[in-house]
Amino acid sequence: MIVYHNNNEIDREQWDNCIRNTPDAKPYAYSWFLDIMAPGWQALVDDDYDSVFPVPGLSRYGFRYISTPGYLQQLGAYSPDKPGSSAIAEFLEYMPDFYRYIDLCVGQKTEANGFSVFEKVNLELDLSESYETLYNNFSESCKRNIIASSKHKYELVTDIKPDEIINLLSENNITESGRKKDADYQRLRSLVNFCIINKKGKIAGVRGARKKLQSGLFFIEIKGRKTVLFLACTPQACEKTIDFFLVNELIKNNASTKTILDFSDSSNPQGPMFFNSFGCKILPYYRLFRNRLPWPLRLIKQ
């Protein structure tokens, strides 16, 4: 039986056990990630945490709604035993009606009634092969940029403080809709700090003159998966192909391991084309959209 839980009713230990035992689970659904990036999140839970569905619910103007938080690429249905595609259909049927507006990205394809579904793209690279084999699958332009970066003799450093890389990101990350909100960066700062302290993530980068950080990336590590949450660099660093150097070093240092490198990052100015040049596999995920707000609010939230 599926039960709706408010935030304070969720058993974090049982929740994380379910996520941990779900095949190919990504870090976004762990309770520690949600507590930081989607504070107050709610949940649908089936059969005493045999399967779960995180709900990043919010409230505004007296209406409750669901929206995908920043730097949280996708959620969905999680179960160690049940296929996600069948589990998500059941969960959506039990979604409380008081959520009048839903804009949620999920990992499973569904044709749930009342939802518009839009396909989105994630990029992953299987690092099981040797570096030489992986390098052969890079695009020619990617190889040229890596060769160009090698002439500068960049040095990869890991002594980067969370504040350094968050400041670099906030100063240089311009999206189509403008700069992200300060609250997004504050939550992201908390997440990076948490992951570093609890050995769930790492920062790597390149410093320039006077040891100033020029480019850096942050990735979260869970069993069998490294998720690049964001890559930050100055415009000058991108022109000097430091971003290609960084990703190539990450691949080189983790080649021949049973690891999936997940390029979830959407902050890089060059977007998916940049990451895809490293020979990634394209995997879909899905945006579910439903708007039952009363007029005229329905016209505002599109």
C-alpha atoms as a PDB file:
ATOM      1  CA  MET A   1       0.000   0.000   0.000  1.00  0.00           C
ATOM      2  CA  ILE A   2       1.340   3.433  -0.981  1.00  0.00           C
ATOM      3  CA  VAL A   3       1.416   6.015   1.808  1.00  0.00           C
ATOM      4  CA  TYR A   4       2.164   9.745   1.623  1.00  0.00           C
ATOM      5  CA  HIS A   5       4.694  10.982   4.202  1.00  0.00           C
ATOM      6  CA  ASN A   6       5.472  14.501   5.310  1.00  0.00           C
ATOM      7  CA  ASN A   7       9.156  15.262   5.810  1.00  0.00           C
ATOM      8  CA  ASN A   8       9.231  14.516   9.539  1.00  0.00           C
ATOM      9  CA  GLU A   9       7.551  11.123   9.002  1.00  0.00           C
ATOM     10  CA  ILE A  10      10.239   9.708   6.681  1.00  0.00           C
ATOM     11  CA  ASP A  11      12.510   7.034   8.119  1.00  0.00           C
ATOM     12  CA  ARG A  12      15.887   8.122   6.704  1.00  0.00           C
ATOM     13  CA  GLU A  13      17.625   4.813   7.412  1.00  0.00           C
ATOM     14  CA  GLN A  14      15.020   2.685   5.628  1.00  0.00           C
ATOM     15  CA  TRP A  15      14.803   5.263   2.847  1.00  0.00           C
ATOM     16  CA  ASP A  16      18.545   5.224   2.132  1.00  0.00           C
ATOM     17  CA  ASN A  17      18.639   1.412   2.283  1.00  0.00           C
ATOM     18  CA  CYS A  18      16.030   1.339  -0.471  1.00  0.00           C
ATOM     19  CA  ILE A  19      17.977   3.809  -2.627  1.00  0.00           C
ATOM     20  CA  ARG A  20      21.306   2.048  -1.988  1.00  0.00           C
ATOM     21  CA  ASN A  21      19.896  -1.312  -3.125  1.00  0.00           C
ATOM     22  CA  THR A  22      18.157   0.048  -6.220  1.00  0.00           C
ATOM     23  CA  PRO A  23      20.140  -0.834  -9.374  1.00  0.00           C
ATOM     24  CA  ASP A  24      21.823   2.186 -11.039  1.00  0.00           C
ATOM     25  CA  ALA A  25      20.477   4.631  -8.463  1.00  0.00           C
ATOM     26  CA  LYS A  26      21.876   8.153  -8.705  1.00  0.00           C
ATOM     27  CA  PRO A  27      22.853  10.273  -5.688  1.00  0.00           C
ATOM     28  CA  TYR A  28      19.946  12.718  -5.958  1.00  0.00           C
ATOM     29  CA  ALA A  29      17.476  10.450  -4.156  1.00  0.00           C
ATOM     30  CA  TYR A  30      19.482   9.881  -0.974  1.00  0.00           C
ATOM     31  CA  SER A  31      17.983  11.561   2.069  1.00  0.00           C
ATOM     32  CA  TRP A  32      21.129  13.617   2.735  1.00  0.00           C
ATOM     33  CA  PHE A  33      21.049  15.044  -0.798  1.00  0.00           C
ATOM     34  CA  LEU A  34      17.342  15.852  -0.592  1.00  0.00           C
ATOM     35  CA  ASP A  35      17.602  17.342   2.895  1.00  0.00           C
ATOM     36  CA  ILE A  36      20.106  19.872   1.577  1.00  0.00           C
ATOM     37  CA  MET A  37      18.900  20.582  -1.951  1.00  0.00           C
ATOM     38  CA  ALA A  38      15.131  20.127  -1.478  1.00  0.00           C
ATOM     39  CA  PRO A  39      14.548  21.017   2.202  1.00  0.00           C
ATOM     40  CA  GLY A  40      11.162  19.895   3.487  1.00  0.00           C
ATOM     41  CA  TRP A  41      10.769  17.258   0.751  1.00  0.00           C
ATOM     42  CA  GLN A  42       7.950  14.759   1.091  1.00  0.00           C
ATOM     43  CA  ALA A  43       7.581  11.172  -0.119  1.00  0.00           C
ATOM     44  CA  LEU A  44       5.365   8.376  -1.359  1.00  0.00           C
ATOM     45  CA  VAL A  45       6.337   5.056   0.243  1.00  0.00           C
ATOM     46  CA  ASP A  46       5.099   1.600  -0.733  1.00  0.00           C
ATOM     47  CA  ASP A  47       5.074  -1.514   1.497  1.00  0.00           C
ATOM     48  CA  ASP A  48       7.337  -0.337   4.301  1.00  0.00           C
ATOM     49  CA  TYR A  49      10.026   1.180   2.018  1.00  0.00           C
ATOM     50  CA  ASP A  50      10.087  -1.639  -0.530  1.00  0.00           C
ATOM     51  CA  SER A  51       9.794   1.141  -3.109  1.00  0.00           C
ATOM     52  CA  VAL A  52       9.823   4.925  -2.733  1.00  0.00           C
ATOM     53  CA  PHE A  53       9.175   8.122  -4.669  1.00  0.00           C
ATOM     54  CA  PRO A  54      10.692  11.430  -3.432  1.00  0.00           C
ATOM     55  CA  VAL A  55       8.441  14.489  -3.753  1.00  0.00           C
ATOM     56  CA  PRO A  56      10.155  17.933  -3.765  1.00  0.00           C
ATOM     57  CA  GLY A  57       6.963  19.747  -2.776  1.00  0.00           C
ATOM     58  CA  LEU A  58       6.695  23.474  -2.126  1.00  0.00           C
ATOM     59  CA  SER A  59       4.017  26.031  -1.297  1.00  0.00           C
ATOM     60  CA  ARG A  60       3.411  29.515  -2.689  1.00  0.00           C
ATOM     61  CA  TYR A  61       0.447  31.875  -2.745  1.00  0.00           C
ATOM     62  CA  GLY A  62      -1.518  29.269  -0.833  1.00  0.00           C
ATOM     63  CA  PHE A  63      -0.998  26.571  -3.493  1.00  0.00           C
ATOM     64  CA  ARG A  64       1.156  23.450  -3.141  1.00  0.00           C
ATOM     65  CA  TYR A  65       3.268  22.413  -6.092  1.00  0.00           C
ATOM     66  CA  ILE A  66       6.192  20.190  -7.113  1.00  0.00           C
ATOM     67  CA  SER A  67       9.262  21.532  -8.883  1.00  0.00           C
ATOM     68  CA  THR A  68      12.662  20.015  -9.696  1.00  0.00           C
ATOM     69  CA  PRO A  69      15.269  21.800  -7.550  1.00  0.00           C
ATOM     70  CA  GLY A  70      18.437  23.317  -8.986  1.00  0.00           C
ATOM     71  CA  TYR A  71      21.399  20.939  -9.351  1.00  0.00           C
ATOM     72  CA  LEU A  72      19.090  17.968  -8.908  1.00  0.00           C
ATOM     73  CA  GLN A  73      18.820  16.472 -12.357  1.00  0.00           C
ATOM     74  CA  GLN A  74      16.228  13.761 -11.852  1.00  0.00           C
ATOM     75  CA  LEU A  75      14.275  11.742  -9.312  1.00  0.00           C
ATOM     76  CA  GLY A  76      11.615   9.095  -9.913  1.00  0.00           C
ATOM     77  CA  ALA A  77      10.660   5.683  -8.524  1.00  0.00           C
ATOM     78  CA  TYR A  78      13.203   3.570  -6.641  1.00  0.00           C
ATOM     79  CA  SER A  79      12.913  -0.107  -5.798  1.00  0.00           C
ATOM     80  CA  PRO A  80      15.428  -2.949  -5.369  1.00  0.00           C
ATOM     81  CA  ASP A  81      12.987  -5.473  -6.822  1.00  0.00           C
ATOM     82  CA  LYS A  82      10.350  -3.721  -8.929  1.00  0.00           C
ATOM     83  CA  PRO A  83      11.079  -2.204 -12.376  1.00  0.00           C
ATOM     84  CA  GLY A  84      11.049   1.580 -12.104  1.00  0.00           C
ATOM     85  CA  SER A  85       8.822   1.971 -15.167  1.00  0.00           C
ATOM     86  CA  SER A  86       5.979   0.080 -13.503  1.00  0.00           C
ATOM     87  CA  ALA A  87       6.558   1.558 -10.053  1.00  0.00           C
ATOM     88  CA  ILE A  88       6.374   5.164 -11.267  1.00  0.00           C
ATOM     89  CA  ALA A  89       2.940   4.645 -12.818  1.00  0.00           C
ATOM     90  CA  GLU A  90       1.610   3.434  -9.466  1.00  0.00           C
ATOM     91  CA  PHE A  91       3.151   6.309  -7.556  1.00  0.00           C
ATOM     92  CA  LEU A  92       1.765   8.952  -9.914  1.00  0.00           C
ATOM     93  CA  GLU A  93      -1.720   7.521  -9.461  1.00  0.00           C
ATOM     94  CA  TYR A  94      -1.351   8.106  -5.710  1.00  0.00           C
ATOM     95  CA  MET A  95       0.056  11.627  -6.026  1.00  0.00           C
ATOM     96  CA  PRO A  96      -2.067  13.837  -3.743  1.00  0.00           C
ATOM     97  CA  ASP A  97      -4.468  16.135  -5.590  1.00  0.00           C
ATOM     98  CA  PHE A  98      -3.403  19.124  -3.507  1.00  0.00           C
ATOM     99  CA  TYR A  99      -0.293  19.416  -5.712  1.00  0.00           C
ATOM    100  CA  ARG A 100      -1.905  21.663  -8.295  1.00  0.00           C
ATOM    101  CA  TYR A 101       1.234  22.150 -10.354  1.00  0.00           C
ATOM    102  CA  ILE A 102       3.884  19.508 -11.101  1.00  0.00           C
ATOM    103  CA  ASP A 103       7.116  20.063 -13.033  1.00  0.00           C
ATOM    104  CA  LEU A 104       9.345  17.127 -12.166  1.00  0.00           C
ATOM    105  CA  CYS A 105      12.211  15.360 -13.935  1.00  0.00           C
ATOM    106  CA  VAL A 106      12.295  11.588 -13.481  1.00  0.00           C
ATOM    107  CA  GLY A 107      14.436   8.731 -14.704  1.00  0.00           C
ATOM    108  CA  GLN A 108      11.624   6.494 -15.958  1.00  0.00           C
ATOM    109  CA  LYS A 109       9.467   6.940 -19.026  1.00  0.00           C
ATOM    110  CA  THR A 110       5.759   7.032 -18.283  1.00  0.00           C
ATOM    111  CA  GLU A 111       2.486   7.800 -20.022  1.00  0.00           C
ATOM    112  CA  ALA A 112       0.598   8.859 -16.920  1.00  0.00           C
ATOM    113  CA  ASN A 113      -2.790  10.415 -17.562  1.00  0.00           C
ATOM    114  CA  GLY A 114      -2.909  14.193 -17.354  1.00  0.00           C
ATOM    115  CA  PHE A 115       0.847  14.714 -17.746  1.00  0.00           C
ATOM    116  CA  SER A 116       2.785  16.134 -20.642  1.00  0.00           C
ATOM    117  CA  VAL A 117       6.068  14.255 -21.026  1.00  0.00           C
ATOM    118  CA  PHE A 118       9.218  15.764 -22.522  1.00  0.00           C
ATOM    119  CA  GLU A 119      12.383  13.785 -23.176  1.00  0.00           C
ATOM    120  CA  LYS A 120      15.684  15.180 -21.910  1.00  0.00           C
ATOM    121  CA  VAL A 121      19.243  13.905 -22.297  1.00  0.00           C
ATOM    122  CA  ASN A 122      21.885  12.747 -19.830  1.00  0.00           C
ATOM    123  CA  LEU A 123      25.413  11.680 -20.769  1.00  0.00           C
ATOM    124  CA  GLU A 124      27.327   8.802 -19.187  1.00  0.00           C
ATOM    125  CA  LEU A 125      30.691   7.193 -19.825  1.00  0.00           C
ATOM    126  CA  ASP A 126      31.516   3.622 -18.795  1.00  0.00           C
ATOM    127  CA  LEU A 127      35.087   3.607 -17.472  1.00  0.00           C
ATOM    128  CA  SER A 128      35.517  -0.171 -17.585  1.00  0.00           C
ATOM    129  CA  GLU A 129      37.865   0.030 -20.579  1.00  0.00           C
ATOM    130  CA  SER A 130      41.498   1.133 -20.583  1.00  0.00           C
ATOM    131  CA  TYR A 131      42.273   4.824 -21.028  1.00  0.00           C
ATOM    132  CA  GLU A 132      43.690   4.139 -24.500  1.00  0.00           C
ATOM    133  CA  THR A 133      40.419   2.540 -25.601  1.00  0.00           C
ATOM    134  CA  LEU A 134      38.358   5.360 -24.095  1.00  0.00           C
ATOM    135  CA  TYR A 135      40.599   7.997 -25.719  1.00  0.00           C
ATOM    136  CA  ASN A 136      40.115   6.406 -29.143  1.00  0.00           C
ATOM    137  CA  ASN A 137      36.385   7.084 -28.793  1.00  0.00           C
ATOM    138  CA  PHE A 138      36.869  10.813 -28.129  1.00  0.00           C
ATOM    139  CA  SER A 139      35.881  13.109 -30.993  1.00  0.00           C
ATOM    140  CA  GLU A 140      38.678  14.517 -33.127  1.00  0.00           C
ATOM    141  CA  SER A 141      38.028  18.042 -31.857  1.00  0.00           C
ATOM    142  CA  CYS A 142      38.176  16.756 -28.273  1.00  0.00           C
ATOM    143  CA  LYS A 143      41.553  15.123 -28.944  1.00  0.00           C
ATOM    144  CA  ARG A 144      42.873  18.352 -30.467  1.00  0.00           C
ATOM    145  CA  ASN A 145      41.795  20.319 -27.399  1.00  0.00           C
ATOM    146  CA  ILE A 146      43.424  17.809 -25.061  1.00  0.00           C
ATOM    147  CA  ILE A 147      46.672  17.988 -27.056  1.00  0.00           C
ATOM    148  CA  ALA A 148      46.495  21.789 -26.964  1.00  0.00           C
ATOM    149  CA  SER A 149      45.968  21.747 -23.197  1.00  0.00           C
ATOM    150  CA  SER A 150      48.997  19.493 -22.692  1.00  0.00           C
ATOM    151  CA  LYS A 151      51.263  22.212 -24.092  1.00  0.00           C
ATOM    152  CA  HIS A 152      50.395  24.446 -21.126  1.00  0.00           C
ATOM    153  CA  LYS A 153      51.542  21.812 -18.609  1.00  0.00           C
ATOM    154  CA  TYR A 154      48.553  22.319 -16.326  1.00  0.00           C
ATOM    155  CA  GLU A 155      48.735  20.787 -12.877  1.00  0.00           C
ATOM    156  CA  LEU A 156      45.705  19.084 -11.368  1.00  0.00           C
ATOM    157  CA  VAL A 157      45.155  20.109  -7.731  1.00  0.00           C
ATOM    158  CA  THR A 158      42.728  18.824  -5.101  1.00  0.00           C
ATOM    159  CA  ASP A 159      43.427  21.267  -2.249  1.00  0.00           C
ATOM    160  CA  ILE A 160      40.412  23.365  -3.235  1.00  0.00           C
ATOM    161  CA  LYS A 161      38.022  24.670  -0.610  1.00  0.00           C
ATOM    162  CA  PRO A 162      34.263  24.461  -1.234  1.00  0.00           C
ATOM    163  CA  ASP A 163      33.942  28.241  -1.014  1.00  0.00           C
ATOM    164  CA  GLU A 164      36.544  28.666  -3.768  1.00  0.00           C
ATOM    165  CA  ILE A 165      34.758  26.538  -6.325  1.00  0.00           C
ATOM    166  CA  ILE A 166      31.271  27.824  -5.440  1.00  0.00           C
ATOM    167  CA  ASN A 167      32.485  31.414  -5.829  1.00  0.00           C
ATOM    168  CA  LEU A 168      34.040  30.529  -9.186  1.00  0.00           C
ATOM    169  CA  LEU A 169      30.786  28.934 -10.300  1.00  0.00           C
ATOM    170  CA  SER A 170      28.551  31.813  -9.182  1.00  0.00           C
ATOM    171  CA  GLU A 171      30.787  34.425 -10.812  1.00  0.00           C
ATOM    172  CA  ASN A 172      30.896  32.708 -14.196  1.00  0.00           C
ATOM    173  CA  ASN A 173      27.749  30.610 -14.533  1.00  0.00           C
ATOM    174  CA  ILE A 174      25.300  32.462 -16.784  1.00  0.00           C
ATOM    175  CA  THR A 175      22.321  30.395 -17.897  1.00  0.00           C
ATOM    176  CA  GLU A 176      19.727  31.225 -20.523  1.00  0.00           C
ATOM    177  CA  SER A 177      17.513  32.674 -17.790  1.00  0.00           C
ATOM    178  CA  GLY A 178      20.353  34.626 -16.176  1.00  0.00           C
ATOM    179  CA  ARG A 179      22.229  33.969 -12.966  1.00  0.00           C
ATOM    180  CA  LYS A 180      20.920  31.356 -10.577  1.00  0.00           C
ATOM    181  CA  LYS A 181      19.447  32.523  -7.296  1.00  0.00           C
ATOM    182  CA  ASP A 182      21.682  33.040  -4.276  1.00  0.00           C
ATOM    183  CA  ALA A 183      19.652  30.380  -2.431  1.00  0.00           C
ATOM    184  CA  ASP A 184      20.707  27.786  -5.045  1.00  0.00           C
ATOM    185  CA  TYR A 185      24.355  28.547  -4.385  1.00  0.00           C
ATOM    186  CA  GLN A 186      23.909  28.484  -0.611  1.00  0.00           C
ATOM    187  CA  ARG A 187      22.352  25.026  -0.808  1.00  0.00           C
ATOM    188  CA  LEU A 188      25.049  23.912  -3.227  1.00  0.00           C
ATOM    189  CA  ARG A 189      27.739  25.208  -0.866  1.00  0.00           C
ATOM    190  CA  SER A 190      26.176  23.172   1.956  1.00  0.00           C
ATOM    191  CA  LEU A 191      26.054  20.065  -0.235  1.00  0.00           C
ATOM    192  CA  VAL A 192      29.710  20.334  -1.294  1.00  0.00           C
ATOM    193  CA  ASN A 193      30.787  20.858   2.323  1.00  0.00           C
ATOM    194  CA  PHE A 194      28.728  17.864   3.464  1.00  0.00           C
ATOM    195  CA  CYS A 195      30.135  15.595   0.752  1.00  0.00           C
ATOM    196  CA  ILE A 196      33.748  16.592   1.412  1.00  0.00           C
ATOM    197  CA  ILE A 197      33.417  16.138   5.178  1.00  0.00           C
ATOM    198  CA  ASN A 198      31.648  12.775   4.794  1.00  0.00           C
ATOM    199  CA  LYS A 199      33.894  11.538   1.966  1.00  0.00           C
ATOM    200  CA  LYS A 200      31.050  11.394  -0.526  1.00  0.00           C
ATOM    201  CA  GLY A 201      32.579  13.764  -3.064  1.00  0.00           C
ATOM    202  CA  LYS A 202      35.751  15.425  -4.338  1.00  0.00           C
ATOM    203  CA  ILE A 203      36.881  18.680  -5.917  1.00  0.00           C
ATOM    204  CA  ALA A 204      39.607  18.882  -8.575  1.00  0.00           C
ATOM    205  CA  GLY A 205      40.831  21.874 -10.505  1.00  0.00           C
ATOM    206  CA  VAL A 206      43.578  24.021 -11.963  1.00  0.00           C
ATOM    207  CA  ARG A 207      45.065  27.152 -10.429  1.00  0.00           C
ATOM    208  CA  GLY A 208      46.581  30.016 -12.338  1.00  0.00           C
ATOM    209  CA  ALA A 209      48.694  32.996 -11.369  1.00  0.00           C
ATOM    210  CA  ARG A 210      48.866  33.730  -7.630  1.00  0.00           C
ATOM    211  CA  LYS A 211      47.216  30.337  -6.994  1.00  0.00           C
ATOM    212  CA  LYS A 212      43.816  31.673  -8.069  1.00  0.00           C
ATOM    213  CA  LEU A 213      41.393  28.936  -9.104  1.00  0.00           C
ATOM    214  CA  GLN A 214      40.810  29.036 -12.872  1.00  0.00           C
ATOM    215  CA  SER A 215      38.718  25.926 -13.382  1.00  0.00           C
ATOM    216  CA  GLY A 216      37.312  23.183 -11.199  1.00  0.00           C
ATOM    217  CA  LEU A 217      34.781  20.398 -11.023  1.00  0.00           C
ATOM    218  CA  PHE A 218      32.934  18.734  -8.196  1.00  0.00           C
ATOM    219  CA  PHE A 219      31.743  15.150  -8.333  1.00  0.00           C
ATOM    220  CA  ILE A 220      29.767  12.978  -5.940  1.00  0.00           C
ATOM    221  CA  GLU A 221      30.865   9.389  -5.374  1.00  0.00           C
ATOM    222  CA  ILE A 222      28.526   6.532  -4.621  1.00  0.00           C
ATOM    223  CA  LYS A 223      29.194   2.857  -5.292  1.00  0.00           C
ATOM    224  CA  GLY A 224      29.961   2.349  -8.982  1.00  0.00           C
ATOM    225  CA  ARG A 225      29.176   5.932  -9.999  1.00  0.00           C
ATOM    226  CA  LYS A 226      30.848   9.322 -10.082  1.00  0.00           C
ATOM    227  CA  THR A 227      28.425  12.154 -10.824  1.00  0.00           C
ATOM    228  CA  VAL A 228      29.911  15.444 -12.028  1.00  0.00           C
ATOM    229  CA  LEU A 229      27.505  17.868 -10.412  1.00  0.00           C
ATOM    230  CA  PHE A 230      29.097  20.946 -11.954  1.00  0.00           C
ATOM    231  CA  LEU A 231      32.152  22.236 -13.773  1.00  0.00           C
ATOM    232  CA  ALA A 232      33.159  25.869 -13.251  1.00  0.00           C
ATOM    233  CA  CYS A 233      35.694  27.899 -15.191  1.00  0.00           C
ATOM    234  CA  THR A 234      36.474  31.446 -16.176  1.00  0.00           C
ATOM    235  CA  PRO A 235      35.949  32.383 -19.856  1.00  0.00           C
ATOM    236  CA  GLN A 236      39.717  32.647 -20.203  1.00  0.00           C
ATOM    237  CA  ALA A 237      40.164  29.132 -18.793  1.00  0.00           C
ATOM    238  CA  CYS A 238      37.687  27.725 -21.291  1.00  0.00           C
ATOM    239  CA  GLU A 239      39.549  29.434 -24.126  1.00  0.00           C
ATOM    240  CA  LYS A 240      42.735  27.763 -22.892  1.00  0.00           C
ATOM    241  CA  THR A 241      40.976  24.337 -22.931  1.00  0.00           C
ATOM    242  CA  ILE A 242      41.488  23.802 -19.199  1.00  0.00           C
ATOM    243  CA  ASP A 243      38.032  22.222 -19.017  1.00  0.00           C
ATOM    244  CA  PHE A 244      39.126  19.547 -21.503  1.00  0.00           C
ATOM    245  CA  PHE A 245      42.234  18.918 -19.420  1.00  0.00           C
ATOM    246  CA  LEU A 246      40.153  18.495 -16.246  1.00  0.00           C
ATOM    247  CA  VAL A 247      37.691  15.983 -17.674  1.00  0.00           C
ATOM    248  CA  ASN A 248      40.436  14.061 -19.462  1.00  0.00           C
ATOM    249  CA  GLU A 249      42.376  13.732 -16.191  1.00  0.00           C
ATOM    250  CA  LEU A 250      39.249  12.490 -14.411  1.00  0.00           C
ATOM    251  CA  ILE A 251      38.776   9.836 -17.094  1.00  0.00           C
ATOM    252  CA  LYS A 252      42.465   8.882 -17.145  1.00  0.00           C
ATOM    253  CA  ASN A 253      42.634   8.509 -13.352  1.00  0.00           C
ATOM    254  CA  ASN A 254      39.549   6.268 -13.219  1.00  0.00           C
ATOM    255  CA  ALA A 255      39.940   4.201 -16.400  1.00  0.00           C
ATOM    256  CA  SER A 256      39.787   0.400 -16.133  1.00  0.00           C
ATOM    257  CA  THR A 257      37.447   0.584 -13.139  1.00  0.00           C
ATOM    258  CA  LYS A 258      33.866  -0.590 -12.943  1.00  0.00           C
ATOM    259  CA  THR A 259      32.670   2.989 -12.666  1.00  0.00           C
ATOM    260  CA  ILE A 260      30.076   5.043 -14.503  1.00  0.00           C
ATOM    261  CA  LEU A 261      31.060   8.667 -15.009  1.00  0.00           C
ATOM    262  CA  ASP A 262      27.816  10.633 -15.060  1.00  0.00           C
ATOM    263  CA  PHE A 263      28.007  14.087 -16.677  1.00  0.00           C
ATOM    264  CA  SER A 264      24.893  15.504 -15.073  1.00  0.00           C
ATOM    265  CA  ASP A 265      26.351  19.018 -15.181  1.00  0.00           C
ATOM    266  CA  SER A 266      24.327  21.672 -17.023  1.00  0.00           C
ATOM    267  CA  SER A 267      26.416  24.646 -15.931  1.00  0.00           C
ATOM    268  CA  ASN A 268      29.222  24.292 -18.467  1.00  0.00           C
ATOM    269  CA  PRO A 269      28.828  27.046 -21.104  1.00  0.00           C
ATOM    270  CA  GLN A 270      29.423  24.545 -23.897  1.00  0.00           C
ATOM    271  CA  GLY A 271      26.656  22.285 -22.661  1.00  0.00           C
ATOM    272  CA  PRO A 272      26.081  18.657 -23.700  1.00  0.00           C
ATOM    273  CA  MET A 273      28.259  18.950 -26.817  1.00  0.00           C
ATOM    274  CA  PHE A 274      31.307  19.435 -24.598  1.00  0.00           C
ATOM    275  CA  PHE A 275      30.731  16.281 -22.554  1.00  0.00           C
ATOM    276  CA  ASN A 276      29.527  14.252 -25.513  1.00  0.00           C
ATOM    277  CA  SER A 277      32.875  14.834 -27.249  1.00  0.00           C
ATOM    278  CA  PHE A 278      34.381  12.379 -24.714  1.00  0.00           C
ATOM    279  CA  GLY A 279      32.521   9.462 -26.292  1.00  0.00           C
ATOM    280  CA  CYS A 280      29.578   9.337 -23.911  1.00  0.00           C
ATOM    281  CA  LYS A 281      26.470   7.214 -24.131  1.00  0.00           C
ATOM    282  CA  ILE A 282      23.287   9.249 -24.458  1.00  0.00           C
ATOM    283  CA  LEU A 283      20.582   8.223 -21.984  1.00  0.00           C
ATOM    284  CA  PRO A 284      17.120   9.786 -21.761  1.00  0.00           C
ATOM    285  CA  TYR A 285      15.282  11.051 -18.726  1.00  0.00           C
ATOM    286  CA  TYR A 286      11.892  12.757 -18.663  1.00  0.00           C
ATOM    287  CA  ARG A 287      10.219  15.953 -17.587  1.00  0.00           C
ATOM    288  CA  LEU A 288       6.661  15.440 -16.315  1.00  0.00           C
ATOM    289  CA  PHE A 289       4.454  18.506 -16.462  1.00  0.00           C
ATOM    290  CA  ARG A 290       0.917  19.113 -15.221  1.00  0.00           C
ATOM    291  CA  ASN A 291      -0.718  22.461 -14.504  1.00  0.00           C
ATOM    292  CA  ARG A 292      -4.010  22.494 -12.591  1.00  0.00           C
ATOM    293  CA  LEU A 293      -3.623  25.952 -11.119  1.00  0.00           C
ATOM    294  CA  PRO A 294      -6.695  28.181 -11.340  1.00  0.00           C
ATOM    295  CA  TRP A 295      -6.828  30.902 -13.960  1.00  0.00           C
ATOM    296  CA  PRO A 296      -4.967  33.329 -14.162  1.00  0.00           C
ATOM    297  CA  LEU A 297      -2.152  31.659 -12.165  1.00  0.00           C
ATOM    298  CA  ARG A 298      -2.180  28.899 -14.746  1.00  0.00           C
ATOM    299  CA  LEU A 299      -0.964  31.405 -17.325  1.00  0.00           C
ATOM    300  CA  ILE A 300       1.975  32.503 -15.138  1.00  0.00           C
ATOM    301  CA  LYS A 301       3.383  29.057 -14.332  1.00  0.00           C
ATOM    302  CA  GLN A 302       4.151  27.439 -17.670  1.00  0.00           C
END
